[in-house]
Amino acid sequence: METADKGRQDMRNQPRSGFTMIEMLIVLVVVGIVVAMAAPKIDTMKYRLESDMQGLGMALMAAERQAITEQHDVIVTFDVGQGVIHIIGDKNNNGIKDANERTRGVALSEGVVFGRATAPARPMGPGPVTFTKMIGGFPALVFHRDGSGSEAGGFYLTTTRAVASGTRPEDSRAIEMERATGRGTWYRYGPPVWRRAF
């Protein structure tokens, strides 16, 4: 009996490890309050816009690389109304999409559209897409097997909130393509000027 009492006493004197349920609930409540206060201040539209600029920029780089690697033209068409680009591997270089040619699409995120809202136009033109070549009824850029583009030009991205409000010029992004090299330069508008992003 004495040893059992002594064993219980030793257990009570040992330091405990871990957290009690009450302590865990207090931590969760505090974290919940902090998140609830911070969440309205997070501009998710800005992150979508940045992500789309990077996504389309990388898709264009991949299309150029495909043209060089596979040694045939790659067509990129811009469907402004649907908010999507189509990348077509033009294996026979005839300037149209044939049934046996692979096509993939890259769509804009919800709330992001082609256009520049109230930001001033860049030298490439007012947009929303400044390429003059038309393929399948859409403005198009063609990457040739040497990596060059069919023409210089580019496009703008903005948000639906900027279009609806007629404000928020900082919600404008642009990608300009060089003809000779097929390279793109990315820009963000930070009033009062466009700044290079990549």
Foldseek 3Di string as FASTA:
>chain_A
DVVVVVVVVVVVPDDDDDDDPVVVVVVVVVVVVVCVVCVVVDDVLLVLLVVVLVVVQVVLVVLLVCQQVLQAKWKWFADQVQQKIKIWGPPVNPQAHDPPIDIDMDGRDPFKGQAQQQADDDPLDRDQWSAPDDYPRTRMWMQGNVSFIPAKHWHKMFGPVSNVVSDDSQRMKIWIAHGGRRHIWIWTDDPPGIDTDD
